[in-house]
C-alpha atoms as a PDB file:
ATOM      1  CA  MET A   1     -10.950  -6.301  -3.873  1.00  0.00           C
ATOM      2  CA  ASN A   2      -7.939  -6.666  -1.560  1.00  0.00           C
ATOM      3  CA  ILE A   3      -4.390  -5.990  -2.748  1.00  0.00           C
ATOM      4  CA  ALA A   4      -1.568  -6.791  -0.313  1.00  0.00           C
ATOM      5  CA  PHE A   5       1.872  -5.140  -0.463  1.00  0.00           C
ATOM      6  CA  TRP A   6       4.671  -7.231   1.064  1.00  0.00           C
ATOM      7  CA  SER A   7       8.429  -7.576   0.799  1.00  0.00           C
ATOM      8  CA  ASN A   8      10.888 -10.391   1.413  1.00  0.00           C
ATOM      9  CA  VAL A   9      13.162  -7.872   3.177  1.00  0.00           C
ATOM     10  CA  SER A  10      12.565  -4.925   5.500  1.00  0.00           C
ATOM     11  CA  GLY A  11      13.598  -1.323   4.941  1.00  0.00           C
ATOM     12  CA  ARG A  12      15.131  -1.691   1.481  1.00  0.00           C
ATOM     13  CA  SER A  13      12.303  -2.023  -1.016  1.00  0.00           C
ATOM     14  CA  GLY A  14      10.025   0.859   0.031  1.00  0.00           C
ATOM     15  CA  THR A  15       6.911  -1.263   0.571  1.00  0.00           C
ATOM     16  CA  SER A  16       4.885   1.398   2.412  1.00  0.00           C
ATOM     17  CA  GLY A  17       5.834   4.152  -0.027  1.00  0.00           C
ATOM     18  CA  ASN A  18       5.058   1.895  -2.988  1.00  0.00           C
ATOM     19  CA  MET A  19       1.619   1.084  -1.580  1.00  0.00           C
ATOM     20  CA  LEU A  20       0.884   4.767  -1.030  1.00  0.00           C
ATOM     21  CA  ALA A  21       2.089   5.738  -4.507  1.00  0.00           C
ATOM     22  CA  VAL A  22       0.134   3.021  -6.342  1.00  0.00           C
ATOM     23  CA  GLY A  23      -2.971   3.569  -4.210  1.00  0.00           C
ATOM     24  CA  ILE A  24      -2.963   7.328  -4.763  1.00  0.00           C
ATOM     25  CA  MET A  25      -2.279   6.951  -8.503  1.00  0.00           C
ATOM     26  CA  THR A  26      -5.171   4.466  -8.747  1.00  0.00           C
ATOM     27  CA  SER A  27      -7.557   7.011  -7.278  1.00  0.00           C
ATOM     28  CA  VAL A  28      -6.223  10.104  -9.043  1.00  0.00           C
ATOM     29  CA  LEU A  29      -5.812   8.627 -12.526  1.00  0.00           C
ATOM     30  CA  TYR A  30      -8.822   6.304 -12.694  1.00  0.00           C
ATOM     31  CA  SER A  31     -11.140   7.938 -10.130  1.00  0.00           C
ATOM     32  CA  LEU A  32     -11.497   4.643  -8.264  1.00  0.00           C
ATOM     33  CA  LYS A  33     -12.527   4.585  -4.609  1.00  0.00           C
ATOM     34  CA  THR A  34      -9.359   3.552  -2.827  1.00  0.00           C
ATOM     35  CA  MET A  35      -8.827   2.424   0.765  1.00  0.00           C
ATOM     36  CA  LEU A  36      -5.333   2.380   2.309  1.00  0.00           C
ATOM     37  CA  VAL A  37      -4.731   0.131   5.318  1.00  0.00           C
ATOM     38  CA  GLN A  38      -1.544  -0.438   7.277  1.00  0.00           C
ATOM     39  CA  THR A  39      -0.848  -3.440   9.510  1.00  0.00           C
ATOM     40  CA  ASP A  40       2.887  -2.724   9.555  1.00  0.00           C
ATOM     41  CA  SER A  41       3.398  -0.831  12.820  1.00  0.00           C
ATOM     42  CA  VAL A  42       7.128  -0.463  12.143  1.00  0.00           C
ATOM     43  CA  SER A  43       6.883   1.913   9.176  1.00  0.00           C
ATOM     44  CA  ARG A  44       5.862   5.568   9.270  1.00  0.00           C
ATOM     45  CA  PRO A  45       2.070   5.740   9.835  1.00  0.00           C
ATOM     46  CA  ILE A  46       0.186   6.351   6.595  1.00  0.00           C
ATOM     47  CA  ASP A  47      -1.763   9.150   8.350  1.00  0.00           C
ATOM     48  CA  GLU A  48       1.405  11.253   8.373  1.00  0.00           C
ATOM     49  CA  ALA A  49       1.953  10.768   4.642  1.00  0.00           C
ATOM     50  CA  LEU A  50      -1.626  11.721   3.772  1.00  0.00           C
ATOM     51  CA  GLU A  51      -2.249  14.650   6.098  1.00  0.00           C
ATOM     52  CA  SER A  52       0.196  17.452   6.803  1.00  0.00           C
ATOM     53  CA  ARG A  53       0.396  19.243  10.141  1.00  0.00           C
ATOM     54  CA  LYS A  54      -1.411  22.157   8.514  1.00  0.00           C
ATOM     55  CA  ALA A  55      -4.250  19.841   7.464  1.00  0.00           C
ATOM     56  CA  ASP A  56      -4.358  18.347  10.947  1.00  0.00           C
ATOM     57  CA  THR A  57      -4.880  21.831  12.384  1.00  0.00           C
ATOM     58  CA  ILE A  58      -7.906  22.298  10.155  1.00  0.00           C
ATOM     59  CA  ILE A  59      -9.294  18.847  10.957  1.00  0.00           C
ATOM     60  CA  ASN A  60      -8.828  19.455  14.689  1.00  0.00           C
ATOM     61  CA  GLU A  61     -11.680  21.944  14.486  1.00  0.00           C
ATOM     62  CA  GLU A  62     -14.085  19.147  13.603  1.00  0.00           C
ATOM     63  CA  LEU A  63     -15.635  17.183  16.455  1.00  0.00           C
ATOM     64  CA  TYR A  64     -15.118  13.776  14.867  1.00  0.00           C
ATOM     65  CA  PHE A  65     -11.345  14.246  14.972  1.00  0.00           C
ATOM     66  CA  TYR A  66     -11.256  13.626  18.704  1.00  0.00           C
ATOM     67  CA  SER A  67     -12.914  10.218  18.396  1.00  0.00           C
ATOM     68  CA  ARG A  68     -10.766   8.965  15.519  1.00  0.00           C
ATOM     69  CA  LYS A  69      -9.004   5.851  16.791  1.00  0.00           C
ATOM     70  CA  GLY A  70      -8.591   3.929  13.564  1.00  0.00           C
ATOM     71  CA  MET A  71      -6.837   0.586  13.683  1.00  0.00           C
ATOM     72  CA  ASP A  72      -6.479   0.622  17.477  1.00  0.00           C
ATOM     73  CA  GLU A  73     -10.250   0.838  17.863  1.00  0.00           C
ATOM     74  CA  LEU A  74     -10.899  -1.835  15.236  1.00  0.00           C
ATOM     75  CA  ILE A  75      -8.435  -4.295  16.746  1.00  0.00           C
ATOM     76  CA  GLU A  76      -9.915  -3.804  20.216  1.00  0.00           C
ATOM     77  CA  ARG A  77     -13.455  -4.302  18.889  1.00  0.00           C
ATOM     78  CA  GLY A  78     -12.300  -7.339  16.947  1.00  0.00           C
ATOM     79  CA  ARG A  79     -10.887  -8.945  20.097  1.00  0.00           C
ATOM     80  CA  ARG A  80     -14.366  -8.692  21.616  1.00  0.00           C
ATOM     81  CA  ASN A  81     -16.119  -9.922  18.465  1.00  0.00           C
ATOM     82  CA  LEU A  82     -17.780  -6.522  18.046  1.00  0.00           C
ATOM     83  CA  LEU A  83     -16.301  -5.559  14.692  1.00  0.00           C
ATOM     84  CA  THR A  84     -19.271  -4.458  12.582  1.00  0.00           C
ATOM     85  CA  GLY A  85     -19.495  -2.710   9.232  1.00  0.00           C
ATOM     86  CA  GLU A  86     -20.760   0.421  10.958  1.00  0.00           C
ATOM     87  CA  MET A  87     -17.793   0.382  13.329  1.00  0.00           C
ATOM     88  CA  VAL A  88     -15.389   0.104  10.385  1.00  0.00           C
ATOM     89  CA  GLU A  89     -17.032   3.049   8.618  1.00  0.00           C
ATOM     90  CA  THR A  90     -16.702   5.267  11.709  1.00  0.00           C
ATOM     91  CA  ASN A  91     -12.960   4.580  11.787  1.00  0.00           C
ATOM     92  CA  VAL A  92     -12.353   5.413   8.124  1.00  0.00           C
ATOM     93  CA  VAL A  93     -11.025   8.845   7.141  1.00  0.00           C
ATOM     94  CA  ASN A  94     -11.477  10.502   3.749  1.00  0.00           C
ATOM     95  CA  VAL A  95      -8.677  12.635   2.323  1.00  0.00           C
ATOM     96  CA  LYS A  96     -10.572  15.846   1.608  1.00  0.00           C
ATOM     97  CA  HIS A  97     -11.660  16.501  -1.962  1.00  0.00           C
ATOM     98  CA  THR A  98     -10.555  13.016  -3.119  1.00  0.00           C
ATOM     99  CA  ASN A  99     -11.945   9.480  -3.193  1.00  0.00           C
ATOM    100  CA  ILE A 100      -8.946   8.268  -1.189  1.00  0.00           C
ATOM    101  CA  TYR A 101      -9.764   6.769   2.205  1.00  0.00           C
ATOM    102  CA  TYR A 102      -7.622   5.319   4.959  1.00  0.00           C
ATOM    103  CA  ILE A 103      -7.764   3.775   8.398  1.00  0.00           C
ATOM    104  CA  PRO A 104      -5.481   5.665  10.816  1.00  0.00           C
ATOM    105  CA  SER A 105      -2.553   3.436  11.722  1.00  0.00           C
ATOM    106  CA  ALA A 106      -2.296   1.738  15.107  1.00  0.00           C
ATOM    107  CA  LYS A 107      -0.578   3.811  17.767  1.00  0.00           C
ATOM    108  CA  GLU A 108      -0.499   1.042  20.363  1.00  0.00           C
ATOM    109  CA  LYS A 109       1.073  -2.402  20.186  1.00  0.00           C
ATOM    110  CA  SER A 110      -1.610  -5.051  19.841  1.00  0.00           C
ATOM    111  CA  ASN A 111      -2.019  -7.460  22.740  1.00  0.00           C
ATOM    112  CA  SER A 112      -3.632 -10.011  20.444  1.00  0.00           C
ATOM    113  CA  ASN A 113      -1.859 -13.233  19.581  1.00  0.00           C
ATOM    114  CA  GLY A 114      -1.103 -14.323  16.022  1.00  0.00           C
ATOM    115  CA  LYS A 115      -4.265 -16.379  15.493  1.00  0.00           C
ATOM    116  CA  GLU A 116      -6.435 -13.672  17.005  1.00  0.00           C
ATOM    117  CA  ASN A 117      -4.849 -10.999  14.781  1.00  0.00           C
ATOM    118  CA  ILE A 118      -5.450 -13.125  11.702  1.00  0.00           C
ATOM    119  CA  LYS A 119      -9.122 -13.523  12.584  1.00  0.00           C
ATOM    120  CA  ILE A 120      -9.504  -9.772  13.170  1.00  0.00           C
ATOM    121  CA  TYR A 121      -7.862  -8.820   9.877  1.00  0.00           C
ATOM    122  CA  GLU A 122      -9.848 -11.380   7.917  1.00  0.00           C
ATOM    123  CA  THR A 123     -13.067  -9.934   9.384  1.00  0.00           C
ATOM    124  CA  LEU A 124     -11.890  -6.419   8.531  1.00  0.00           C
ATOM    125  CA  MET A 125     -11.121  -7.476   4.942  1.00  0.00           C
ATOM    126  CA  ASN A 126     -14.658  -8.790   4.548  1.00  0.00           C
ATOM    127  CA  LYS A 127     -16.185  -5.594   5.968  1.00  0.00           C
ATOM    128  CA  LEU A 128     -14.094  -3.398   3.652  1.00  0.00           C
ATOM    129  CA  ASN A 129     -15.079  -5.497   0.639  1.00  0.00           C
ATOM    130  CA  ASN A 130     -18.714  -4.797   1.440  1.00  0.00           C
ATOM    131  CA  MET A 131     -17.932  -1.065   1.212  1.00  0.00           C
ATOM    132  CA  GLY A 132     -16.984  -1.470  -2.461  1.00  0.00           C
ATOM    133  CA  ASN A 133     -13.386  -0.303  -2.307  1.00  0.00           C
ATOM    134  CA  LEU A 134     -10.115  -1.250  -3.849  1.00  0.00           C
ATOM    135  CA  ASN A 135      -8.328  -2.018  -0.586  1.00  0.00           C
ATOM    136  CA  PHE A 136      -4.543  -1.651  -0.473  1.00  0.00           C
ATOM    137  CA  TRP A 137      -2.870  -3.385   2.476  1.00  0.00           C
ATOM    138  CA  ASP A 138       0.612  -2.547   3.742  1.00  0.00           C
ATOM    139  CA  VAL A 139       1.601  -5.689   5.653  1.00  0.00           C
ATOM    140  CA  LEU A 140       4.625  -6.522   7.788  1.00  0.00           C
ATOM    141  CA  ASN A 141       7.564  -7.677   5.679  1.00  0.00           C
ATOM    142  CA  GLY A 142       9.445 -10.957   5.959  1.00  0.00           C
ATOM    143  CA  GLU A 143       8.421 -14.231   7.554  1.00  0.00           C
ATOM    144  CA  ASN A 144       5.205 -13.307   9.336  1.00  0.00           C
ATOM    145  CA  SER A 145       2.157 -15.527   9.827  1.00  0.00           C
ATOM    146  CA  THR A 146      -0.354 -12.661   9.947  1.00  0.00           C
ATOM    147  CA  SER A 147       1.007 -11.138   6.741  1.00  0.00           C
ATOM    148  CA  LYS A 148       0.921 -14.526   5.045  1.00  0.00           C
ATOM    149  CA  ALA A 149      -2.730 -14.999   6.047  1.00  0.00           C
ATOM    150  CA  ILE A 150      -3.671 -11.554   4.659  1.00  0.00           C
ATOM    151  CA  MET A 151      -1.808 -12.324   1.440  1.00  0.00           C
ATOM    152  CA  GLU A 152      -3.584 -15.661   1.057  1.00  0.00           C
ATOM    153  CA  LYS A 153      -6.958 -13.959   1.454  1.00  0.00           C
ATOM    154  CA  SER A 154      -6.046 -11.093  -0.915  1.00  0.00           C
ATOM    155  CA  ASP A 155      -6.906 -11.041  -4.610  1.00  0.00           C
ATOM    156  CA  VAL A 156      -3.478  -9.708  -5.621  1.00  0.00           C
ATOM    157  CA  VAL A 157      -0.108  -9.864  -3.861  1.00  0.00           C
ATOM    158  CA  VAL A 158       2.376  -7.128  -4.743  1.00  0.00           C
ATOM    159  CA  VAL A 159       5.866  -8.381  -3.910  1.00  0.00           C
ATOM    160  CA  ASN A 160       8.250  -5.481  -3.355  1.00  0.00           C
ATOM    161  CA  LEU A 161      11.865  -6.278  -4.196  1.00  0.00           C
ATOM    162  CA  CYS A 162      15.107  -4.357  -3.825  1.00  0.00           C
ATOM    163  CA  GLN A 163      17.954  -4.199  -6.337  1.00  0.00           C
ATOM    164  CA  GLU A 164      20.172  -6.388  -4.208  1.00  0.00           C
ATOM    165  CA  ALA A 165      20.219 -10.125  -4.851  1.00  0.00           C
ATOM    166  CA  GLY A 166      17.787 -12.175  -2.798  1.00  0.00           C
ATOM    167  CA  ASN A 167      15.079 -14.812  -2.838  1.00  0.00           C
ATOM    168  CA  LEU A 168      11.323 -14.710  -2.563  1.00  0.00           C
ATOM    169  CA  GLY A 169      11.155 -15.974   1.009  1.00  0.00           C
ATOM    170  CA  ILE A 170       7.772 -17.427   1.958  1.00  0.00           C
ATOM    171  CA  LEU A 171       6.558 -17.040  -1.637  1.00  0.00           C
ATOM    172  CA  ARG A 172       9.267 -19.228  -3.106  1.00  0.00           C
ATOM    173  CA  ASP A 173       7.409 -22.520  -2.740  1.00  0.00           C
ATOM    174  CA  ASN A 174       3.853 -21.175  -2.451  1.00  0.00           C
ATOM    175  CA  GLU A 175       2.215 -21.662  -5.846  1.00  0.00           C
ATOM    176  CA  GLY A 176      -1.074 -20.149  -4.681  1.00  0.00           C
ATOM    177  CA  LEU A 177       0.561 -16.839  -3.777  1.00  0.00           C
ATOM    178  CA  LEU A 178       2.839 -16.817  -6.821  1.00  0.00           C
ATOM    179  CA  LYS A 179      -0.128 -17.178  -9.190  1.00  0.00           C
ATOM    180  CA  LYS A 180      -1.666 -13.929  -7.956  1.00  0.00           C
ATOM    181  CA  ALA A 181       1.625 -12.059  -7.469  1.00  0.00           C
ATOM    182  CA  VAL A 182       3.084  -9.125  -9.339  1.00  0.00           C
ATOM    183  CA  PHE A 183       6.517  -7.712  -8.572  1.00  0.00           C
ATOM    184  CA  LEU A 184       7.714  -4.159  -8.001  1.00  0.00           C
ATOM    185  CA  ILE A 185      11.361  -3.205  -7.717  1.00  0.00           C
ATOM    186  CA  GLY A 186      11.254  -0.417  -5.160  1.00  0.00           C
ATOM    187  CA  LYS A 187      13.701   2.464  -4.678  1.00  0.00           C
ATOM    188  CA  TYR A 188      14.968   1.643  -8.164  1.00  0.00           C
ATOM    189  CA  ASP A 189      18.101   3.470  -9.279  1.00  0.00           C
ATOM    190  CA  SER A 190      18.512   3.466 -13.058  1.00  0.00           C
ATOM    191  CA  SER A 191      22.206   4.368 -12.710  1.00  0.00           C
ATOM    192  CA  SER A 192      22.947   1.146 -10.835  1.00  0.00           C
ATOM    193  CA  ARG A 193      24.916  -1.559 -12.618  1.00  0.00           C
ATOM    194  CA  LYS A 194      22.054  -3.920 -11.768  1.00  0.00           C
ATOM    195  CA  SER A 195      19.597  -3.339 -14.585  1.00  0.00           C
ATOM    196  CA  PHE A 196      15.909  -4.209 -14.597  1.00  0.00           C
ATOM    197  CA  GLY A 197      16.628  -7.310 -16.690  1.00  0.00           C
ATOM    198  CA  ASN A 198      19.429  -8.480 -14.414  1.00  0.00           C
ATOM    199  CA  ILE A 199      17.237  -8.135 -11.337  1.00  0.00           C
ATOM    200  CA  CYS A 200      14.403 -10.133 -12.926  1.00  0.00           C
ATOM    201  CA  LYS A 201      16.884 -12.842 -13.890  1.00  0.00           C
ATOM    202  CA  GLU A 202      18.368 -13.027 -10.376  1.00  0.00           C
ATOM    203  CA  TYR A 203      14.937 -13.376  -8.789  1.00  0.00           C
ATOM    204  CA  GLY A 204      13.693 -15.717 -11.518  1.00  0.00           C
ATOM    205  CA  ILE A 205      10.654 -13.596 -12.371  1.00  0.00           C
ATOM    206  CA  SER A 206       9.097 -12.450 -15.645  1.00  0.00           C
ATOM    207  CA  LYS A 207       9.761  -8.928 -16.961  1.00  0.00           C
ATOM    208  CA  ASP A 208       6.116  -8.766 -18.075  1.00  0.00           C
ATOM    209  CA  ASN A 209       4.980  -9.315 -14.496  1.00  0.00           C
ATOM    210  CA  THR A 210       7.387  -6.813 -12.930  1.00  0.00           C
ATOM    211  CA  GLY A 211       7.281  -3.040 -12.503  1.00  0.00           C
ATOM    212  CA  ILE A 212       9.567  -0.328 -11.191  1.00  0.00           C
ATOM    213  CA  ILE A 213       9.090   2.350  -8.553  1.00  0.00           C
ATOM    214  CA  SER A 214      12.000   4.750  -9.039  1.00  0.00           C
ATOM    215  CA  TYR A 215      13.651   6.342  -6.034  1.00  0.00           C
ATOM    216  CA  ASN A 216      12.598   9.989  -5.998  1.00  0.00           C
ATOM    217  CA  ILE A 217      13.765  12.379  -3.297  1.00  0.00           C
ATOM    218  CA  HIS A 218      10.866  14.757  -3.984  1.00  0.00           C
ATOM    219  CA  PHE A 219       8.277  12.021  -3.363  1.00  0.00           C
ATOM    220  CA  HIS A 220      10.248  10.921  -0.295  1.00  0.00           C
ATOM    221  CA  ASP A 221      10.058  14.470   1.089  1.00  0.00           C
ATOM    222  CA  ALA A 222       6.368  14.724   0.204  1.00  0.00           C
ATOM    223  CA  VAL A 223       5.619  11.546   2.178  1.00  0.00           C
ATOM    224  CA  ASN A 224       7.555  12.854   5.191  1.00  0.00           C
ATOM    225  CA  GLU A 225       5.727  16.182   5.025  1.00  0.00           C
ATOM    226  CA  GLY A 226       2.207  14.794   4.550  1.00  0.00           C
ATOM    227  CA  ARG A 227       1.998  15.911   0.904  1.00  0.00           C
ATOM    228  CA  ALA A 228       1.921  12.537  -0.863  1.00  0.00           C
ATOM    229  CA  VAL A 229      -1.476  13.131  -2.502  1.00  0.00           C
ATOM    230  CA  PRO A 230      -0.876  16.689  -3.813  1.00  0.00           C
ATOM    231  CA  PHE A 231       2.594  15.671  -5.022  1.00  0.00           C
ATOM    232  CA  ILE A 232       1.206  12.958  -7.294  1.00  0.00           C
ATOM    233  CA  MET A 233      -1.742  15.114  -8.389  1.00  0.00           C
ATOM    234  CA  LYS A 234       0.625  17.953  -9.312  1.00  0.00           C
ATOM    235  CA  ASN A 235       3.094  15.767 -11.215  1.00  0.00           C
ATOM    236  CA  ILE A 236       0.736  13.320 -12.908  1.00  0.00           C
ATOM    237  CA  PHE A 237       1.165  15.065 -16.261  1.00  0.00           C
ATOM    238  CA  ALA A 238       4.904  15.728 -15.888  1.00  0.00           C
ATOM    239  CA  LYS A 239       6.800  16.188 -19.166  1.00  0.00           C
ATOM    240  CA  LYS A 240       9.887  14.229 -20.188  1.00  0.00           C
ATOM    241  CA  HIS A 241      12.218  17.114 -19.402  1.00  0.00           C
ATOM    242  CA  GLU A 242      10.840  17.569 -15.878  1.00  0.00           C
ATOM    243  CA  ALA A 243      12.539  16.179 -12.782  1.00  0.00           C
ATOM    244  CA  ASN A 244       9.706  13.910 -11.658  1.00  0.00           C
ATOM    245  CA  PHE A 245       8.830  12.425 -15.052  1.00  0.00           C
ATOM    246  CA  GLU A 246      10.727   9.132 -14.603  1.00  0.00           C
ATOM    247  CA  PHE A 247       9.104   8.510 -11.224  1.00  0.00           C
ATOM    248  CA  ILE A 248       5.577   9.290 -12.464  1.00  0.00           C
ATOM    249  CA  ASN A 249       6.004   7.351 -15.712  1.00  0.00           C
ATOM    250  CA  ASN A 250       7.236   4.222 -13.927  1.00  0.00           C
ATOM    251  CA  LEU A 251       4.528   4.620 -11.283  1.00  0.00           C
ATOM    252  CA  PHE A 252       1.882   4.814 -14.029  1.00  0.00           C
ATOM    253  CA  LYS A 253       3.146   1.544 -15.547  1.00  0.00           C
ATOM    254  CA  ALA A 254       3.408  -0.143 -12.135  1.00  0.00           C
ATOM    255  CA  THR A 255      -0.128   0.921 -11.212  1.00  0.00           C
ATOM    256  CA  ASN A 256      -1.491  -0.479 -14.461  1.00  0.00           C
ATOM    257  CA  LEU A 257       0.354  -3.741 -13.838  1.00  0.00           C
ATOM    258  CA  VAL A 258      -1.246  -4.105 -10.407  1.00  0.00           C
ATOM    259  CA  LEU A 259      -4.743  -3.110 -11.554  1.00  0.00           C
ATOM    260  CA  LYS A 260      -4.675  -5.442 -14.555  1.00  0.00           C
ATOM    261  CA  LYS A 261      -3.733  -8.292 -12.217  1.00  0.00           C
ATOM    262  CA  ALA A 262      -6.749  -7.298 -10.120  1.00  0.00           C
ATOM    263  CA  GLY A 263      -8.967  -7.499 -13.185  1.00  0.00           C
ATOM    264  CA  VAL A 264      -9.892  -3.814 -13.183  1.00  0.00           C
ATOM    265  CA  GLU A 265     -11.361  -2.849 -16.548  1.00  0.00           C
ATOM    266  CA  GLY A 266     -10.528   0.205 -18.622  1.00  0.00           C
ATOM    267  CA  ILE A 267      -6.836   0.370 -17.736  1.00  0.00           C
ATOM    268  CA  GLU A 268      -4.733   2.295 -20.240  1.00  0.00           C
ATOM    269  CA  GLU A 269      -1.812   0.683 -22.003  1.00  0.00           C
END
């Protein structure tokens, strides 16, 4: 099952953070095997959000650390038509003591052209599906042919919107993508004069098909410090009077929205 996270704008809707938050919540709350993949080389690498420097020091003691190449290795193998299931598995990293997995983000700019990249990512999607994961893809925002191809091949498209007025870009006239889309308003500020209802009206989308990811400075810091997983695990049962309750509560609802669209059974109301 492939779930693509994309935005019509860059840098304002928190696409990468939203993907991390929903992916981690999926694994922590429902104990589902979750794979996080990033094709967006502009954003902070997901490795840094999932593993702190302290954790890296521990992992450095293990021999396999030195051969971890992640997306760089997979793209290079894909260019030579050598991308096998076994090769994918050797480039997947497990966050210790969880069922969260990820492919280390690319450190080098790909020399592949657009069509070649699309072919590589489509092959990778097929290989990951065979591993039985829920695969969350952080794709490059805006008008991008590779992102569009990944979205078309995905089972669910999560469109990340900001509170400012805008349009749906490449999704606007694409009925195929719209049918499998859900919407998340990222970096949402409840004190803004633009309410949830107003935003849905401006974008012309249904409230029932739209969730919120509140802006939360504590989660922001956790991502920057490599503590995204323990932050969500620690706060998952936050009480109403606690600082992180609004963020966790909205994240819970957003995660359920995405998983229901993906047809995952047993999701709580």
